[in-house]
Amino acid sequence: MVKHAGANEVRLRVPILARGMQIVIEDNGCGFGLGQLSPFGNGLINMRKRMEEVDGSLKVDSALGKGTKLTVDIVPSDVP
């Protein structure tokens, strides 16, 4: 986050939900346009793929000059 976003503040929250847990990571960096991702970058693609492999999900919210927020939802497979 410091290297790529130039952030000087990062917030990490891990709320425990009724059906699992969530990890929220937010920074105050430069952000990026989701439509302007490099075709050579695999970071977000790999993160989404890993979450799908464990029945989780990844949501990315970012905008130029507004920072970035990553939300990971993890629900154990034995939870109805």
PDB file of N, CA and C in Angstrom:
ATOM      1  N   MET A   1       0.816  -1.177   0.000  1.00  0.00           N
ATOM      2  CA  MET A   1       0.000   0.000   0.000  1.00  0.00           C
ATOM      3  C   MET A   1       0.869   1.255   0.000  1.00  0.00           C
ATOM      4  N   VAL A   2       1.950   1.204   0.725  1.00  0.00           N
ATOM      5  CA  VAL A   2       2.849   2.344   0.724  1.00  0.00           C
ATOM      6  C   VAL A   2       3.527   2.450  -0.640  1.00  0.00           C
ATOM      7  N   LYS A   3       3.991   1.329  -1.157  1.00  0.00           N
ATOM      8  CA  LYS A   3       4.727   1.328  -2.422  1.00  0.00           C
ATOM      9  C   LYS A   3       3.835   1.698  -3.611  1.00  0.00           C
ATOM     10  N   HIS A   4       2.692   1.041  -3.753  1.00  0.00           N
ATOM     11  CA  HIS A   4       1.868   1.226  -4.948  1.00  0.00           C
ATOM     12  C   HIS A   4       0.881   2.372  -4.827  1.00  0.00           C
ATOM     13  N   ALA A   5       0.369   2.625  -3.640  1.00  0.00           N
ATOM     14  CA  ALA A   5      -0.685   3.636  -3.486  1.00  0.00           C
ATOM     15  C   ALA A   5      -0.189   4.933  -2.868  1.00  0.00           C
ATOM     16  N   GLY A   6       1.004   4.897  -2.275  1.00  0.00           N
ATOM     17  CA  GLY A   6       1.486   6.088  -1.603  1.00  0.00           C
ATOM     18  C   GLY A   6       0.693   6.411  -0.342  1.00  0.00           C
ATOM     19  N   ALA A   7       0.078   5.396   0.240  1.00  0.00           N
ATOM     20  CA  ALA A   7      -0.752   5.601   1.429  1.00  0.00           C
ATOM     21  C   ALA A   7       0.116   5.873   2.651  1.00  0.00           C
ATOM     22  N   ASN A   8      -0.407   6.711   3.559  1.00  0.00           N
ATOM     23  CA  ASN A   8       0.264   6.903   4.841  1.00  0.00           C
ATOM     24  C   ASN A   8      -0.647   6.494   5.994  1.00  0.00           C
ATOM     25  N   GLU A   9      -1.807   5.947   5.643  1.00  0.00           N
ATOM     26  CA  GLU A   9      -2.734   5.436   6.651  1.00  0.00           C
ATOM     27  C   GLU A   9      -3.459   4.217   6.078  1.00  0.00           C
ATOM     28  N   VAL A  10      -3.507   3.154   6.879  1.00  0.00           N
ATOM     29  CA  VAL A  10      -4.211   1.928   6.497  1.00  0.00           C
ATOM     30  C   VAL A  10      -5.069   1.503   7.676  1.00  0.00           C
ATOM     31  N   ARG A  11      -6.315   1.163   7.393  1.00  0.00           N
ATOM     32  CA  ARG A  11      -7.216   0.673   8.439  1.00  0.00           C
ATOM     33  C   ARG A  11      -7.564  -0.775   8.142  1.00  0.00           C
ATOM     34  N   LEU A  12      -7.531  -1.602   9.174  1.00  0.00           N
ATOM     35  CA  LEU A  12      -7.874  -3.013   9.066  1.00  0.00           C
ATOM     36  C   LEU A  12      -8.977  -3.303  10.069  1.00  0.00           C
ATOM     37  N   ARG A  13     -10.082  -3.859   9.574  1.00  0.00           N
ATOM     38  CA  ARG A  13     -11.183  -4.261  10.446  1.00  0.00           C
ATOM     39  C   ARG A  13     -11.495  -5.718  10.149  1.00  0.00           C
ATOM     40  N   VAL A  14     -11.825  -6.475  11.187  1.00  0.00           N
ATOM     41  CA  VAL A  14     -12.191  -7.879  11.025  1.00  0.00           C
ATOM     42  C   VAL A  14     -13.454  -8.129  11.835  1.00  0.00           C
ATOM     43  N   PRO A  15     -14.610  -7.722  11.303  1.00  0.00           N
ATOM     44  CA  PRO A  15     -15.853  -7.999  12.022  1.00  0.00           C
ATOM     45  C   PRO A  15     -16.246  -9.468  11.902  1.00  0.00           C
ATOM     46  N   ILE A  16     -16.741 -10.010  12.994  1.00  0.00           N
ATOM     47  CA  ILE A  16     -17.241 -11.376  13.005  1.00  0.00           C
ATOM     48  C   ILE A  16     -18.736 -11.299  12.721  1.00  0.00           C
ATOM     49  N   LEU A  17     -19.166 -11.968  11.692  1.00  0.00           N
ATOM     50  CA  LEU A  17     -20.565 -11.945  11.271  1.00  0.00           C
ATOM     51  C   LEU A  17     -21.270 -13.227  11.698  1.00  0.00           C
ATOM     52  N   ALA A  18     -22.591 -13.235  11.625  1.00  0.00           N
ATOM     53  CA  ALA A  18     -23.355 -14.423  12.013  1.00  0.00           C
ATOM     54  C   ALA A  18     -22.990 -15.625  11.152  1.00  0.00           C
ATOM     55  N   ARG A  19     -22.657 -15.392   9.885  1.00  0.00           N
ATOM     56  CA  ARG A  19     -22.374 -16.500   8.965  1.00  0.00           C
ATOM     57  C   ARG A  19     -20.899 -16.647   8.633  1.00  0.00           C
ATOM     58  N   GLY A  20     -20.022 -15.955   9.310  1.00  0.00           N
ATOM     59  CA  GLY A  20     -18.601 -16.057   8.995  1.00  0.00           C
ATOM     60  C   GLY A  20     -17.875 -14.826   9.459  1.00  0.00           C
ATOM     61  N   MET A  21     -16.919 -14.380   8.652  1.00  0.00           N
ATOM     62  CA  MET A  21     -16.183 -13.178   9.016  1.00  0.00           C
ATOM     63  C   MET A  21     -15.889 -12.358   7.779  1.00  0.00           C
ATOM     64  N   GLN A  22     -15.493 -11.143   8.026  1.00  0.00           N
ATOM     65  CA  GLN A  22     -15.197 -10.216   6.946  1.00  0.00           C
ATOM     66  C   GLN A  22     -13.878  -9.534   7.282  1.00  0.00           C
ATOM     67  N   ILE A  23     -13.092  -9.279   6.272  1.00  0.00           N
ATOM     68  CA  ILE A  23     -11.860  -8.521   6.439  1.00  0.00           C
ATOM     69  C   ILE A  23     -11.975  -7.297   5.547  1.00  0.00           C
ATOM     70  N   VAL A  24     -11.806  -6.126   6.148  1.00  0.00           N
ATOM     71  CA  VAL A  24     -11.896  -4.877   5.399  1.00  0.00           C
ATOM     72  C   VAL A  24     -10.575  -4.134   5.564  1.00  0.00           C
ATOM     73  N   ILE A  25      -9.953  -3.817   4.441  1.00  0.00           N
ATOM     74  CA  ILE A  25      -8.688  -3.083   4.441  1.00  0.00           C
ATOM     75  C   ILE A  25      -8.900  -1.812   3.619  1.00  0.00           C
ATOM     76  N   GLU A  26      -8.647  -0.662   4.237  1.00  0.00           N
ATOM     77  CA  GLU A  26      -8.830   0.621   3.554  1.00  0.00           C
ATOM     78  C   GLU A  26      -7.549   1.434   3.657  1.00  0.00           C
ATOM     79  N   ASP A  27      -7.221   2.147   2.581  1.00  0.00           N
ATOM     80  CA  ASP A  27      -6.073   3.045   2.640  1.00  0.00           C
ATOM     81  C   ASP A  27      -6.471   4.422   2.118  1.00  0.00           C
ATOM     82  N   ASN A  28      -5.620   5.392   2.389  1.00  0.00           N
ATOM     83  CA  ASN A  28      -5.866   6.757   1.926  1.00  0.00           C
ATOM     84  C   ASN A  28      -4.911   7.115   0.792  1.00  0.00           C
ATOM     85  N   GLY A  29      -4.535   6.121   0.017  1.00  0.00           N
ATOM     86  CA  GLY A  29      -3.593   6.327  -1.073  1.00  0.00           C
ATOM     87  C   GLY A  29      -4.225   6.970  -2.292  1.00  0.00           C
ATOM     88  N   CYS A  30      -3.522   6.865  -3.410  1.00  0.00           N
ATOM     89  CA  CYS A  30      -3.933   7.543  -4.639  1.00  0.00           C
ATOM     90  C   CYS A  30      -5.128   6.885  -5.316  1.00  0.00           C
ATOM     91  N   GLY A  31      -5.439   5.640  -4.967  1.00  0.00           N
ATOM     92  CA  GLY A  31      -6.558   4.947  -5.605  1.00  0.00           C
ATOM     93  C   GLY A  31      -6.283   4.666  -7.072  1.00  0.00           C
ATOM     94  N   PHE A  32      -7.244   4.052  -7.732  1.00  0.00           N
ATOM     95  CA  PHE A  32      -7.103   3.758  -9.159  1.00  0.00           C
ATOM     96  C   PHE A  32      -8.483   3.581  -9.757  1.00  0.00           C
ATOM     97  N   GLY A  33      -8.579   3.802 -11.040  1.00  0.00           N
ATOM     98  CA  GLY A  33      -9.821   3.555 -11.755  1.00  0.00           C
ATOM     99  C   GLY A  33      -9.929   2.075 -12.070  1.00  0.00           C
ATOM    100  N   LEU A  34     -11.028   1.462 -11.679  1.00  0.00           N
ATOM    101  CA  LEU A  34     -11.163   0.011 -11.882  1.00  0.00           C
ATOM    102  C   LEU A  34     -11.129  -0.366 -13.360  1.00  0.00           C
ATOM    103  N   GLY A  35     -11.493   0.532 -14.231  1.00  0.00           N
ATOM    104  CA  GLY A  35     -11.438   0.264 -15.665  1.00  0.00           C
ATOM    105  C   GLY A  35     -10.065   0.499 -16.262  1.00  0.00           C
ATOM    106  N   GLN A  36      -9.129   0.965 -15.451  1.00  0.00           N
ATOM    107  CA  GLN A  36      -7.801   1.306 -15.944  1.00  0.00           C
ATOM    108  C   GLN A  36      -6.724   0.378 -15.404  1.00  0.00           C
ATOM    109  N   LEU A  37      -7.090  -0.843 -15.053  1.00  0.00           N
ATOM    110  CA  LEU A  37      -6.111  -1.793 -14.532  1.00  0.00           C
ATOM    111  C   LEU A  37      -5.198  -2.260 -15.644  1.00  0.00           C
ATOM    112  N   SER A  38      -3.959  -2.504 -15.305  1.00  0.00           N
ATOM    113  CA  SER A  38      -2.984  -2.984 -16.268  1.00  0.00           C
ATOM    114  C   SER A  38      -3.316  -4.414 -16.689  1.00  0.00           C
ATOM    115  N   PRO A  39      -3.257  -4.706 -17.982  1.00  0.00           N
ATOM    116  CA  PRO A  39      -3.502  -6.083 -18.422  1.00  0.00           C
ATOM    117  C   PRO A  39      -2.401  -7.037 -17.973  1.00  0.00           C
ATOM    118  N   PHE A  40      -1.280  -6.501 -17.489  1.00  0.00           N
ATOM    119  CA  PHE A  40      -0.161  -7.332 -17.059  1.00  0.00           C
ATOM    120  C   PHE A  40      -0.175  -7.583 -15.555  1.00  0.00           C
ATOM    121  N   GLY A  41      -1.032  -6.888 -14.826  1.00  0.00           N
ATOM    122  CA  GLY A  41      -1.106  -7.063 -13.389  1.00  0.00           C
ATOM    123  C   GLY A  41      -2.053  -8.196 -13.030  1.00  0.00           C
ATOM    124  N   ASN A  42      -1.627  -9.073 -12.145  1.00  0.00           N
ATOM    125  CA  ASN A  42      -2.445 -10.217 -11.758  1.00  0.00           C
ATOM    126  C   ASN A  42      -2.874 -10.180 -10.303  1.00  0.00           C
ATOM    127  N   GLY A  43      -2.481  -9.163  -9.560  1.00  0.00           N
ATOM    128  CA  GLY A  43      -2.732  -9.128  -8.132  1.00  0.00           C
ATOM    129  C   GLY A  43      -4.193  -9.301  -7.751  1.00  0.00           C
ATOM    130  N   LEU A  44      -5.067  -8.448  -8.273  1.00  0.00           N
ATOM    131  CA  LEU A  44      -6.489  -8.535  -7.936  1.00  0.00           C
ATOM    132  C   LEU A  44      -7.128  -9.792  -8.510  1.00  0.00           C
ATOM    133  N   ILE A  45      -6.707 -10.185  -9.691  1.00  0.00           N
ATOM    134  CA  ILE A  45      -7.237 -11.413 -10.300  1.00  0.00           C
ATOM    135  C   ILE A  45      -6.892 -12.613  -9.426  1.00  0.00           C
ATOM    136  N   ASN A  46      -5.650 -12.681  -8.964  1.00  0.00           N
ATOM    137  CA  ASN A  46      -5.224 -13.794  -8.102  1.00  0.00           C
ATOM    138  C   ASN A  46      -5.950 -13.780  -6.768  1.00  0.00           C
ATOM    139  N   MET A  47      -6.156 -12.591  -6.209  1.00  0.00           N
ATOM    140  CA  MET A  47      -6.871 -12.496  -4.931  1.00  0.00           C
ATOM    141  C   MET A  47      -8.306 -12.991  -5.077  1.00  0.00           C
ATOM    142  N   ARG A  48      -8.983 -12.581  -6.148  1.00  0.00           N
ATOM    143  CA  ARG A  48     -10.360 -13.048  -6.388  1.00  0.00           C
ATOM    144  C   ARG A  48     -10.404 -14.560  -6.569  1.00  0.00           C
ATOM    145  N   LYS A  49      -9.453 -15.066  -7.327  1.00  0.00           N
ATOM    146  CA  LYS A  49      -9.389 -16.510  -7.593  1.00  0.00           C
ATOM    147  C   LYS A  49      -9.205 -17.293  -6.292  1.00  0.00           C
ATOM    148  N   ARG A  50      -8.322 -16.819  -5.429  1.00  0.00           N
ATOM    149  CA  ARG A  50      -8.092 -17.497  -4.147  1.00  0.00           C
ATOM    150  C   ARG A  50      -9.341 -17.466  -3.275  1.00  0.00           C
ATOM    151  N   MET A  51     -10.058 -16.374  -3.287  1.00  0.00           N
ATOM    152  CA  MET A  51     -11.288 -16.283  -2.493  1.00  0.00           C
ATOM    153  C   MET A  51     -12.350 -17.246  -3.031  1.00  0.00           C
ATOM    154  N   GLU A  52     -12.468 -17.343  -4.337  1.00  0.00           N
ATOM    155  CA  GLU A  52     -13.429 -18.275  -4.935  1.00  0.00           C
ATOM    156  C   GLU A  52     -13.093 -19.719  -4.562  1.00  0.00           C
ATOM    157  N   GLU A  53     -11.810 -20.037  -4.472  1.00  0.00           N
ATOM    158  CA  GLU A  53     -11.386 -21.401  -4.130  1.00  0.00           C
ATOM    159  C   GLU A  53     -11.821 -21.799  -2.724  1.00  0.00           C
ATOM    160  N   VAL A  54     -12.027 -20.827  -1.842  1.00  0.00           N
ATOM    161  CA  VAL A  54     -12.456 -21.122  -0.469  1.00  0.00           C
ATOM    162  C   VAL A  54     -13.882 -20.623  -0.219  1.00  0.00           C
ATOM    163  N   ASP A  55     -14.653 -20.487  -1.310  1.00  0.00           N
ATOM    164  CA  ASP A  55     -16.040 -20.015  -1.247  1.00  0.00           C
ATOM    165  C   ASP A  55     -16.174 -18.653  -0.581  1.00  0.00           C
ATOM    166  N   GLY A  56     -15.185 -17.813  -0.775  1.00  0.00           N
ATOM    167  CA  GLY A  56     -15.234 -16.449  -0.269  1.00  0.00           C
ATOM    168  C   GLY A  56     -15.443 -15.488  -1.424  1.00  0.00           C
ATOM    169  N   SER A  57     -15.401 -14.204  -1.113  1.00  0.00           N
ATOM    170  CA  SER A  57     -15.543 -13.201  -2.163  1.00  0.00           C
ATOM    171  C   SER A  57     -14.655 -12.010  -1.860  1.00  0.00           C
ATOM    172  N   LEU A  58     -14.319 -11.271  -2.896  1.00  0.00           N
ATOM    173  CA  LEU A  58     -13.503 -10.076  -2.780  1.00  0.00           C
ATOM    174  C   LEU A  58     -14.217  -8.946  -3.497  1.00  0.00           C
ATOM    175  N   LYS A  59     -14.379  -7.845  -2.816  1.00  0.00           N
ATOM    176  CA  LYS A  59     -14.961  -6.644  -3.423  1.00  0.00           C
ATOM    177  C   LYS A  59     -13.912  -5.549  -3.348  1.00  0.00           C
ATOM    178  N   VAL A  60     -13.710  -4.830  -4.458  1.00  0.00           N
ATOM    179  CA  VAL A  60     -12.734  -3.757  -4.530  1.00  0.00           C
ATOM    180  C   VAL A  60     -13.461  -2.462  -4.851  1.00  0.00           C
ATOM    181  N   ASP A  61     -13.257  -1.454  -4.010  1.00  0.00           N
ATOM    182  CA  ASP A  61     -13.781  -0.116  -4.258  1.00  0.00           C
ATOM    183  C   ASP A  61     -12.591   0.826  -4.306  1.00  0.00           C
ATOM    184  N   SER A  62     -12.445   1.528  -5.418  1.00  0.00           N
ATOM    185  CA  SER A  62     -11.338   2.453  -5.550  1.00  0.00           C
ATOM    186  C   SER A  62     -11.681   3.512  -6.580  1.00  0.00           C
ATOM    187  N   ALA A  63     -11.124   4.676  -6.398  1.00  0.00           N
ATOM    188  CA  ALA A  63     -11.273   5.758  -7.363  1.00  0.00           C
ATOM    189  C   ALA A  63     -10.033   6.633  -7.267  1.00  0.00           C
ATOM    190  N   LEU A  64      -9.645   7.207  -8.381  1.00  0.00           N
ATOM    191  CA  LEU A  64      -8.451   8.051  -8.399  1.00  0.00           C
ATOM    192  C   LEU A  64      -8.563   9.143  -7.343  1.00  0.00           C
ATOM    193  N   GLY A  65      -7.528   9.264  -6.529  1.00  0.00           N
ATOM    194  CA  GLY A  65      -7.473  10.283  -5.494  1.00  0.00           C
ATOM    195  C   GLY A  65      -8.322  10.003  -4.265  1.00  0.00           C
ATOM    196  N   LYS A  66      -8.994   8.851  -4.217  1.00  0.00           N
ATOM    197  CA  LYS A  66      -9.912   8.550  -3.116  1.00  0.00           C
ATOM    198  C   LYS A  66      -9.490   7.358  -2.266  1.00  0.00           C
ATOM    199  N   GLY A  67      -8.367   6.732  -2.561  1.00  0.00           N
ATOM    200  CA  GLY A  67      -7.949   5.563  -1.796  1.00  0.00           C
ATOM    201  C   GLY A  67      -8.611   4.294  -2.293  1.00  0.00           C
ATOM    202  N   THR A  68      -8.370   3.212  -1.575  1.00  0.00           N
ATOM    203  CA  THR A  68      -8.877   1.901  -1.978  1.00  0.00           C
ATOM    204  C   THR A  68      -9.414   1.168  -0.759  1.00  0.00           C
ATOM    205  N   LYS A  69     -10.489   0.419  -0.990  1.00  0.00           N
ATOM    206  CA  LYS A  69     -11.092  -0.409   0.060  1.00  0.00           C
ATOM    207  C   LYS A  69     -11.271  -1.817  -0.491  1.00  0.00           C
ATOM    208  N   LEU A  70     -10.688  -2.802   0.206  1.00  0.00           N
ATOM    209  CA  LEU A  70     -10.854  -4.210  -0.139  1.00  0.00           C
ATOM    210  C   LEU A  70     -11.723  -4.859   0.929  1.00  0.00           C
ATOM    211  N   THR A  71     -12.750  -5.578   0.503  1.00  0.00           N
ATOM    212  CA  THR A  71     -13.625  -6.282   1.434  1.00  0.00           C
ATOM    213  C   THR A  71     -13.614  -7.754   1.070  1.00  0.00           C
ATOM    214  N   VAL A  72     -13.195  -8.575   2.017  1.00  0.00           N
ATOM    215  CA  VAL A  72     -13.147 -10.022   1.828  1.00  0.00           C
ATOM    216  C   VAL A  72     -14.207 -10.640   2.735  1.00  0.00           C
ATOM    217  N   ASP A  73     -15.104 -11.421   2.158  1.00  0.00           N
ATOM    218  CA  ASP A  73     -16.108 -12.146   2.935  1.00  0.00           C
ATOM    219  C   ASP A  73     -15.749 -13.619   2.933  1.00  0.00           C
ATOM    220  N   ILE A  74     -15.719 -14.209   4.129  1.00  0.00           N
ATOM    221  CA  ILE A  74     -15.369 -15.615   4.274  1.00  0.00           C
ATOM    222  C   ILE A  74     -16.498 -16.300   5.056  1.00  0.00           C
ATOM    223  N   VAL A  75     -17.119 -17.294   4.425  1.00  0.00           N
ATOM    224  CA  VAL A  75     -18.204 -18.037   5.059  1.00  0.00           C
ATOM    225  C   VAL A  75     -17.798 -19.503   5.061  1.00  0.00           C
ATOM    226  N   PRO A  76     -17.646 -20.104   6.228  1.00  0.00           N
ATOM    227  CA  PRO A  76     -17.300 -21.527   6.276  1.00  0.00           C
ATOM    228  C   PRO A  76     -18.350 -22.371   5.557  1.00  0.00           C
ATOM    229  N   SER A  77     -17.915 -23.423   4.896  1.00  0.00           N
ATOM    230  CA  SER A  77     -18.830 -24.249   4.107  1.00  0.00           C
ATOM    231  C   SER A  77     -19.838 -24.991   4.969  1.00  0.00           C
ATOM    232  N   ASP A  78     -19.593 -25.157   6.260  1.00  0.00           N
ATOM    233  CA  ASP A  78     -20.531 -25.872   7.099  1.00  0.00           C
ATOM    234  C   ASP A  78     -21.566 -24.961   7.751  1.00  0.00           C
ATOM    235  N   VAL A  79     -21.589 -23.681   7.364  1.00  0.00           N
ATOM    236  CA  VAL A  79     -22.577 -22.737   7.896  1.00  0.00           C
ATOM    237  C   VAL A  79     -23.751 -22.642   6.932  1.00  0.00           C
ATOM    238  N   PRO A  80     -24.968 -22.847   7.419  1.00  0.00           N
ATOM    239  CA  PRO A  80     -26.135 -22.795   6.514  1.00  0.00           C
ATOM    240  C   PRO A  80     -26.420 -21.404   6.005  1.00  0.00           C
TER     241      PRO A  80
END
